[in-house]
Amino acid sequence: MQELEFLQYLIENIVTNKDDIKIERKEDELWILLTLSVNKEDMWIIIWKGGSTINSIRSIMRLVWMKLNKRVNVKVLD
């Protein structure tokens, strides 16, 4: 569950509407999938400049959990 808390921490420090953050976690033998939902007013922050913010978040998440031999992916719901 550390990956969920870490993603929550990252997103809380980026968006304005912190109470509207929802993260769902699904895990199978290969991947941990984190599905992120934020307030529509904050969506532009997450997908800003062609998705550079969310792609950076994905890279950080993958690097951190690569050390633990886990594969993590982050999906954003519109």
PDB file of N, CA and C in Angstrom:
ATOM      1  N   MET A   1       0.812  -1.209   0.000  1.00  0.00           N
ATOM      2  CA  MET A   1       0.000   0.000   0.000  1.00  0.00           C
ATOM      3  C   MET A   1       0.849   1.265   0.000  1.00  0.00           C
ATOM      4  N   GLN A   2       2.128   1.125   0.132  1.00  0.00           N
ATOM      5  CA  GLN A   2       2.997   2.302   0.141  1.00  0.00           C
ATOM      6  C   GLN A   2       2.871   3.112  -1.132  1.00  0.00           C
ATOM      7  N   GLU A   3       2.696   2.428  -2.267  1.00  0.00           N
ATOM      8  CA  GLU A   3       2.612   3.145  -3.535  1.00  0.00           C
ATOM      9  C   GLU A   3       1.379   4.038  -3.580  1.00  0.00           C
ATOM     10  N   LEU A   4       0.287   3.589  -2.966  1.00  0.00           N
ATOM     11  CA  LEU A   4      -0.932   4.383  -2.909  1.00  0.00           C
ATOM     12  C   LEU A   4      -0.712   5.653  -2.088  1.00  0.00           C
ATOM     13  N   GLU A   5      -0.085   5.515  -0.945  1.00  0.00           N
ATOM     14  CA  GLU A   5       0.178   6.665  -0.075  1.00  0.00           C
ATOM     15  C   GLU A   5       1.168   7.637  -0.721  1.00  0.00           C
ATOM     16  N   PHE A   6       2.152   7.098  -1.419  1.00  0.00           N
ATOM     17  CA  PHE A   6       3.136   7.947  -2.084  1.00  0.00           C
ATOM     18  C   PHE A   6       2.488   8.762  -3.204  1.00  0.00           C
ATOM     19  N   LEU A   7       1.652   8.107  -4.009  1.00  0.00           N
ATOM     20  CA  LEU A   7       0.943   8.820  -5.071  1.00  0.00           C
ATOM     21  C   LEU A   7       0.007   9.860  -4.478  1.00  0.00           C
ATOM     22  N   GLN A   8      -0.693   9.518  -3.412  1.00  0.00           N
ATOM     23  CA  GLN A   8      -1.582  10.464  -2.735  1.00  0.00           C
ATOM     24  C   GLN A   8      -0.793  11.709  -2.309  1.00  0.00           C
ATOM     25  N   TYR A   9       0.371  11.495  -1.731  1.00  0.00           N
ATOM     26  CA  TYR A   9       1.226  12.600  -1.295  1.00  0.00           C
ATOM     27  C   TYR A   9       1.628  13.491  -2.473  1.00  0.00           C
ATOM     28  N   LEU A  10       2.053  12.883  -3.574  1.00  0.00           N
ATOM     29  CA  LEU A  10       2.453  13.666  -4.752  1.00  0.00           C
ATOM     30  C   LEU A  10       1.293  14.509  -5.280  1.00  0.00           C
ATOM     31  N   ILE A  11       0.149  13.883  -5.446  1.00  0.00           N
ATOM     32  CA  ILE A  11      -1.004  14.580  -6.026  1.00  0.00           C
ATOM     33  C   ILE A  11      -1.527  15.663  -5.092  1.00  0.00           C
ATOM     34  N   GLU A  12      -1.563  15.410  -3.793  1.00  0.00           N
ATOM     35  CA  GLU A  12      -2.024  16.424  -2.837  1.00  0.00           C
ATOM     36  C   GLU A  12      -1.191  17.695  -2.910  1.00  0.00           C
ATOM     37  N   ASN A  13       0.073  17.568  -3.247  1.00  0.00           N
ATOM     38  CA  ASN A  13       0.940  18.731  -3.317  1.00  0.00           C
ATOM     39  C   ASN A  13       0.924  19.415  -4.675  1.00  0.00           C
ATOM     40  N   ILE A  14       0.096  18.915  -5.585  1.00  0.00           N
ATOM     41  CA  ILE A  14      -0.023  19.522  -6.914  1.00  0.00           C
ATOM     42  C   ILE A  14      -1.384  20.186  -7.104  1.00  0.00           C
ATOM     43  N   VAL A  15      -2.452  19.527  -6.654  1.00  0.00           N
ATOM     44  CA  VAL A  15      -3.809  20.007  -6.931  1.00  0.00           C
ATOM     45  C   VAL A  15      -4.324  20.952  -5.848  1.00  0.00           C
ATOM     46  N   THR A  16      -5.400  21.646  -6.162  1.00  0.00           N
ATOM     47  CA  THR A  16      -6.040  22.573  -5.237  1.00  0.00           C
ATOM     48  C   THR A  16      -7.102  21.878  -4.390  1.00  0.00           C
ATOM     49  N   ASN A  17      -7.907  21.036  -5.026  1.00  0.00           N
ATOM     50  CA  ASN A  17      -9.022  20.353  -4.361  1.00  0.00           C
ATOM     51  C   ASN A  17      -8.566  18.989  -3.835  1.00  0.00           C
ATOM     52  N   LYS A  18      -7.888  18.992  -2.721  1.00  0.00           N
ATOM     53  CA  LYS A  18      -7.298  17.775  -2.158  1.00  0.00           C
ATOM     54  C   LYS A  18      -8.340  16.735  -1.736  1.00  0.00           C
ATOM     55  N   ASP A  19      -9.520  17.180  -1.331  1.00  0.00           N
ATOM     56  CA  ASP A  19     -10.563  16.266  -0.872  1.00  0.00           C
ATOM     57  C   ASP A  19     -11.178  15.448  -2.004  1.00  0.00           C
ATOM     58  N   ASP A  20     -10.966  15.867  -3.247  1.00  0.00           N
ATOM     59  CA  ASP A  20     -11.556  15.181  -4.389  1.00  0.00           C
ATOM     60  C   ASP A  20     -10.633  14.138  -5.010  1.00  0.00           C
ATOM     61  N   ILE A  21      -9.487  13.910  -4.417  1.00  0.00           N
ATOM     62  CA  ILE A  21      -8.549  12.911  -4.946  1.00  0.00           C
ATOM     63  C   ILE A  21      -9.064  11.522  -4.585  1.00  0.00           C
ATOM     64  N   LYS A  22      -9.143  10.668  -5.611  1.00  0.00           N
ATOM     65  CA  LYS A  22      -9.530   9.281  -5.395  1.00  0.00           C
ATOM     66  C   LYS A  22      -8.524   8.404  -6.130  1.00  0.00           C
ATOM     67  N   ILE A  23      -8.011   7.415  -5.421  1.00  0.00           N
ATOM     68  CA  ILE A  23      -7.050   6.495  -6.016  1.00  0.00           C
ATOM     69  C   ILE A  23      -7.516   5.078  -5.733  1.00  0.00           C
ATOM     70  N   GLU A  24      -7.636   4.295  -6.793  1.00  0.00           N
ATOM     71  CA  GLU A  24      -8.021   2.897  -6.662  1.00  0.00           C
ATOM     72  C   GLU A  24      -6.810   2.035  -7.007  1.00  0.00           C
ATOM     73  N   ARG A  25      -6.595   1.004  -6.251  1.00  0.00           N
ATOM     74  CA  ARG A  25      -5.431   0.125  -6.425  1.00  0.00           C
ATOM     75  C   ARG A  25      -5.888  -1.268  -6.835  1.00  0.00           C
ATOM     76  N   LYS A  26      -5.306  -1.778  -7.924  1.00  0.00           N
ATOM     77  CA  LYS A  26      -5.542  -3.155  -8.361  1.00  0.00           C
ATOM     78  C   LYS A  26      -4.185  -3.802  -8.570  1.00  0.00           C
ATOM     79  N   GLU A  27      -4.071  -5.044  -8.154  1.00  0.00           N
ATOM     80  CA  GLU A  27      -2.789  -5.726  -8.263  1.00  0.00           C
ATOM     81  C   GLU A  27      -2.992  -7.122  -8.832  1.00  0.00           C
ATOM     82  N   ASP A  28      -2.094  -7.509  -9.736  1.00  0.00           N
ATOM     83  CA  ASP A  28      -2.025  -8.894 -10.171  1.00  0.00           C
ATOM     84  C   ASP A  28      -0.583  -9.353 -10.025  1.00  0.00           C
ATOM     85  N   GLU A  29      -0.242 -10.492 -10.590  1.00  0.00           N
ATOM     86  CA  GLU A  29       1.104 -11.013 -10.389  1.00  0.00           C
ATOM     87  C   GLU A  29       2.186 -10.199 -11.088  1.00  0.00           C
ATOM     88  N   LEU A  30       1.833  -9.377 -12.054  1.00  0.00           N
ATOM     89  CA  LEU A  30       2.820  -8.586 -12.790  1.00  0.00           C
ATOM     90  C   LEU A  30       2.836  -7.104 -12.440  1.00  0.00           C
ATOM     91  N   TRP A  31       1.666  -6.528 -12.239  1.00  0.00           N
ATOM     92  CA  TRP A  31       1.555  -5.074 -12.121  1.00  0.00           C
ATOM     93  C   TRP A  31       0.747  -4.654 -10.909  1.00  0.00           C
ATOM     94  N   ILE A  32       1.020  -3.423 -10.488  1.00  0.00           N
ATOM     95  CA  ILE A  32       0.146  -2.701  -9.573  1.00  0.00           C
ATOM     96  C   ILE A  32      -0.396  -1.539 -10.390  1.00  0.00           C
ATOM     97  N   LEU A  33      -1.699  -1.480 -10.555  1.00  0.00           N
ATOM     98  CA  LEU A  33      -2.333  -0.403 -11.307  1.00  0.00           C
ATOM     99  C   LEU A  33      -3.012   0.540 -10.332  1.00  0.00           C
ATOM    100  N   LEU A  34      -2.622   1.816 -10.401  1.00  0.00           N
ATOM    101  CA  LEU A  34      -3.242   2.856  -9.582  1.00  0.00           C
ATOM    102  C   LEU A  34      -4.063   3.741 -10.510  1.00  0.00           C
ATOM    103  N   THR A  35      -5.360   3.815 -10.264  1.00  0.00           N
ATOM    104  CA  THR A  35      -6.252   4.631 -11.076  1.00  0.00           C
ATOM    105  C   THR A  35      -6.564   5.901 -10.296  1.00  0.00           C
ATOM    106  N   LEU A  36      -6.246   7.039 -10.900  1.00  0.00           N
ATOM    107  CA  LEU A  36      -6.340   8.336 -10.249  1.00  0.00           C
ATOM    108  C   LEU A  36      -7.510   9.135 -10.796  1.00  0.00           C
ATOM    109  N   SER A  37      -8.248   9.743  -9.898  1.00  0.00           N
ATOM    110  CA  SER A  37      -9.335  10.642 -10.256  1.00  0.00           C
ATOM    111  C   SER A  37      -9.183  11.911  -9.427  1.00  0.00           C
ATOM    112  N   VAL A  38      -9.268  13.065 -10.094  1.00  0.00           N
ATOM    113  CA  VAL A  38      -9.176  14.354  -9.407  1.00  0.00           C
ATOM    114  C   VAL A  38     -10.336  15.237  -9.842  1.00  0.00           C
ATOM    115  N   ASN A  39     -10.524  16.329  -9.151  1.00  0.00           N
ATOM    116  CA  ASN A  39     -11.542  17.312  -9.497  1.00  0.00           C
ATOM    117  C   ASN A  39     -11.292  17.827 -10.912  1.00  0.00           C
ATOM    118  N   LYS A  40     -12.357  18.085 -11.656  1.00  0.00           N
ATOM    119  CA  LYS A  40     -12.221  18.563 -13.038  1.00  0.00           C
ATOM    120  C   LYS A  40     -11.429  19.862 -13.126  1.00  0.00           C
ATOM    121  N   GLU A  41     -11.528  20.701 -12.104  1.00  0.00           N
ATOM    122  CA  GLU A  41     -10.777  21.954 -12.095  1.00  0.00           C
ATOM    123  C   GLU A  41      -9.268  21.707 -11.984  1.00  0.00           C
ATOM    124  N   ASP A  42      -8.878  20.587 -11.416  1.00  0.00           N
ATOM    125  CA  ASP A  42      -7.469  20.256 -11.244  1.00  0.00           C
ATOM    126  C   ASP A  42      -6.910  19.386 -12.368  1.00  0.00           C
ATOM    127  N   MET A  43      -7.777  18.912 -13.245  1.00  0.00           N
ATOM    128  CA  MET A  43      -7.332  18.008 -14.304  1.00  0.00           C
ATOM    129  C   MET A  43      -6.267  18.650 -15.197  1.00  0.00           C
ATOM    130  N   TRP A  44      -6.378  19.934 -15.447  1.00  0.00           N
ATOM    131  CA  TRP A  44      -5.409  20.608 -16.320  1.00  0.00           C
ATOM    132  C   TRP A  44      -4.000  20.544 -15.731  1.00  0.00           C
ATOM    133  N   ILE A  45      -3.897  20.537 -14.410  1.00  0.00           N
ATOM    134  CA  ILE A  45      -2.588  20.461 -13.767  1.00  0.00           C
ATOM    135  C   ILE A  45      -1.958  19.095 -14.039  1.00  0.00           C
ATOM    136  N   ILE A  46      -2.770  18.063 -13.979  1.00  0.00           N
ATOM    137  CA  ILE A  46      -2.283  16.702 -14.168  1.00  0.00           C
ATOM    138  C   ILE A  46      -1.881  16.442 -15.619  1.00  0.00           C
ATOM    139  N   ILE A  47      -2.664  16.936 -16.580  1.00  0.00           N
ATOM    140  CA  ILE A  47      -2.374  16.654 -17.994  1.00  0.00           C
ATOM    141  C   ILE A  47      -1.747  17.846 -18.716  1.00  0.00           C
ATOM    142  N   TRP A  48      -1.254  18.784 -17.991  1.00  0.00           N
ATOM    143  CA  TRP A  48      -0.669  20.005 -18.534  1.00  0.00           C
ATOM    144  C   TRP A  48       0.468  19.703 -19.502  1.00  0.00           C
ATOM    145  N   LYS A  49       0.577  20.514 -20.556  1.00  0.00           N
ATOM    146  CA  LYS A  49       1.646  20.415 -21.562  1.00  0.00           C
ATOM    147  C   LYS A  49       1.755  19.017 -22.158  1.00  0.00           C
ATOM    148  N   GLY A  50       0.652  18.524 -22.652  1.00  0.00           N
ATOM    149  CA  GLY A  50       0.666  17.236 -23.336  1.00  0.00           C
ATOM    150  C   GLY A  50       0.918  16.048 -22.432  1.00  0.00           C
ATOM    151  N   GLY A  51       0.595  16.181 -21.171  1.00  0.00           N
ATOM    152  CA  GLY A  51       0.741  15.072 -20.246  1.00  0.00           C
ATOM    153  C   GLY A  51       2.096  14.990 -19.571  1.00  0.00           C
ATOM    154  N   SER A  52       2.874  16.054 -19.639  1.00  0.00           N
ATOM    155  CA  SER A  52       4.222  15.997 -19.052  1.00  0.00           C
ATOM    156  C   SER A  52       4.197  15.791 -17.538  1.00  0.00           C
ATOM    157  N   THR A  53       3.201  16.338 -16.846  1.00  0.00           N
ATOM    158  CA  THR A  53       3.128  16.172 -15.390  1.00  0.00           C
ATOM    159  C   THR A  53       2.828  14.727 -15.025  1.00  0.00           C
ATOM    160  N   ILE A  54       1.803  14.138 -15.627  1.00  0.00           N
ATOM    161  CA  ILE A  54       1.451  12.757 -15.292  1.00  0.00           C
ATOM    162  C   ILE A  54       2.540  11.800 -15.750  1.00  0.00           C
ATOM    163  N   ASN A  55       3.186  12.078 -16.857  1.00  0.00           N
ATOM    164  CA  ASN A  55       4.278  11.215 -17.300  1.00  0.00           C
ATOM    165  C   ASN A  55       5.458  11.275 -16.331  1.00  0.00           C
ATOM    166  N   SER A  56       5.708  12.427 -15.773  1.00  0.00           N
ATOM    167  CA  SER A  56       6.763  12.554 -14.758  1.00  0.00           C
ATOM    168  C   SER A  56       6.395  11.791 -13.498  1.00  0.00           C
ATOM    169  N   ILE A  57       5.141  11.888 -13.089  1.00  0.00           N
ATOM    170  CA  ILE A  57       4.673  11.149 -11.913  1.00  0.00           C
ATOM    171  C   ILE A  57       4.808   9.654 -12.151  1.00  0.00           C
ATOM    172  N   ARG A  58       4.417   9.193 -13.346  1.00  0.00           N
ATOM    173  CA  ARG A  58       4.554   7.772 -13.685  1.00  0.00           C
ATOM    174  C   ARG A  58       6.014   7.329 -13.612  1.00  0.00           C
ATOM    175  N   SER A  59       6.904   8.146 -14.137  1.00  0.00           N
ATOM    176  CA  SER A  59       8.335   7.804 -14.111  1.00  0.00           C
ATOM    177  C   SER A  59       8.856   7.693 -12.685  1.00  0.00           C
ATOM    178  N   ILE A  60       8.473   8.633 -11.835  1.00  0.00           N
ATOM    179  CA  ILE A  60       8.898   8.590 -10.430  1.00  0.00           C
ATOM    180  C   ILE A  60       8.371   7.329  -9.764  1.00  0.00           C
ATOM    181  N   MET A  61       7.101   7.029  -9.978  1.00  0.00           N
ATOM    182  CA  MET A  61       6.506   5.843  -9.364  1.00  0.00           C
ATOM    183  C   MET A  61       7.217   4.573  -9.825  1.00  0.00           C
ATOM    184  N   ARG A  62       7.501   4.474 -11.120  1.00  0.00           N
ATOM    185  CA  ARG A  62       8.177   3.280 -11.643  1.00  0.00           C
ATOM    186  C   ARG A  62       9.577   3.145 -11.082  1.00  0.00           C
ATOM    187  N   LEU A  63      10.302   4.247 -11.000  1.00  0.00           N
ATOM    188  CA  LEU A  63      11.667   4.193 -10.476  1.00  0.00           C
ATOM    189  C   LEU A  63      11.706   3.773  -9.012  1.00  0.00           C
ATOM    190  N   VAL A  64      10.824   4.334  -8.223  1.00  0.00           N
ATOM    191  CA  VAL A  64      10.805   4.013  -6.791  1.00  0.00           C
ATOM    192  C   VAL A  64      10.490   2.534  -6.581  1.00  0.00           C
ATOM    193  N   TRP A  65       9.491   2.006  -7.286  1.00  0.00           N
ATOM    194  CA  TRP A  65       9.087   0.628  -7.046  1.00  0.00           C
ATOM    195  C   TRP A  65       9.895  -0.383  -7.839  1.00  0.00           C
ATOM    196  N   MET A  66      10.676   0.065  -8.805  1.00  0.00           N
ATOM    197  CA  MET A  66      11.580  -0.835  -9.508  1.00  0.00           C
ATOM    198  C   MET A  66      12.601  -1.414  -8.531  1.00  0.00           C
ATOM    199  N   LYS A  67      13.013  -0.603  -7.572  1.00  0.00           N
ATOM    200  CA  LYS A  67      13.958  -1.066  -6.547  1.00  0.00           C
ATOM    201  C   LYS A  67      13.370  -2.211  -5.722  1.00  0.00           C
ATOM    202  N   LEU A  68      12.057  -2.245  -5.596  1.00  0.00           N
ATOM    203  CA  LEU A  68      11.380  -3.282  -4.816  1.00  0.00           C
ATOM    204  C   LEU A  68      10.889  -4.436  -5.698  1.00  0.00           C
ATOM    205  N   ASN A  69      11.335  -4.438  -6.954  1.00  0.00           N
ATOM    206  CA  ASN A  69      10.924  -5.464  -7.926  1.00  0.00           C
ATOM    207  C   ASN A  69       9.415  -5.499  -8.148  1.00  0.00           C
ATOM    208  N   LYS A  70       8.805  -4.341  -8.146  1.00  0.00           N
ATOM    209  CA  LYS A  70       7.380  -4.216  -8.441  1.00  0.00           C
ATOM    210  C   LYS A  70       7.222  -3.325  -9.667  1.00  0.00           C
ATOM    211  N   ARG A  71       6.188  -3.573 -10.417  1.00  0.00           N
ATOM    212  CA  ARG A  71       5.868  -2.730 -11.568  1.00  0.00           C
ATOM    213  C   ARG A  71       4.599  -1.954 -11.247  1.00  0.00           C
ATOM    214  N   VAL A  72       4.698  -0.645 -11.371  1.00  0.00           N
ATOM    215  CA  VAL A  72       3.572   0.226 -11.028  1.00  0.00           C
ATOM    216  C   VAL A  72       3.214   1.062 -12.246  1.00  0.00           C
ATOM    217  N   ASN A  73       1.926   1.201 -12.486  1.00  0.00           N
ATOM    218  CA  ASN A  73       1.455   2.089 -13.535  1.00  0.00           C
ATOM    219  C   ASN A  73       0.338   2.964 -12.969  1.00  0.00           C
ATOM    220  N   VAL A  74       0.250   4.189 -13.465  1.00  0.00           N
ATOM    221  CA  VAL A  74      -0.763   5.135 -13.008  1.00  0.00           C
ATOM    222  C   VAL A  74      -1.644   5.504 -14.191  1.00  0.00           C
ATOM    223  N   LYS A  75      -2.945   5.337 -14.022  1.00  0.00           N
ATOM    224  CA  LYS A  75      -3.928   5.679 -15.038  1.00  0.00           C
ATOM    225  C   LYS A  75      -4.771   6.822 -14.507  1.00  0.00           C
ATOM    226  N   VAL A  76      -5.078   7.803 -15.359  1.00  0.00           N
ATOM    227  CA  VAL A  76      -5.889   8.952 -14.957  1.00  0.00           C
ATOM    228  C   VAL A  76      -7.268   8.840 -15.612  1.00  0.00           C
ATOM    229  N   LEU A  77      -8.304   8.935 -14.788  1.00  0.00           N
ATOM    230  CA  LEU A  77      -9.674   8.944 -15.307  1.00  0.00           C
ATOM    231  C   LEU A  77     -10.073  10.360 -15.669  1.00  0.00           C
ATOM    232  N   ASP A  78     -10.736  10.503 -16.790  1.00  0.00           N
ATOM    233  CA  ASP A  78     -11.212  11.829 -17.229  1.00  0.00           C
ATOM    234  C   ASP A  78     -12.433  12.233 -16.455  1.00  0.00           C
TER     235      ASP A  78
END
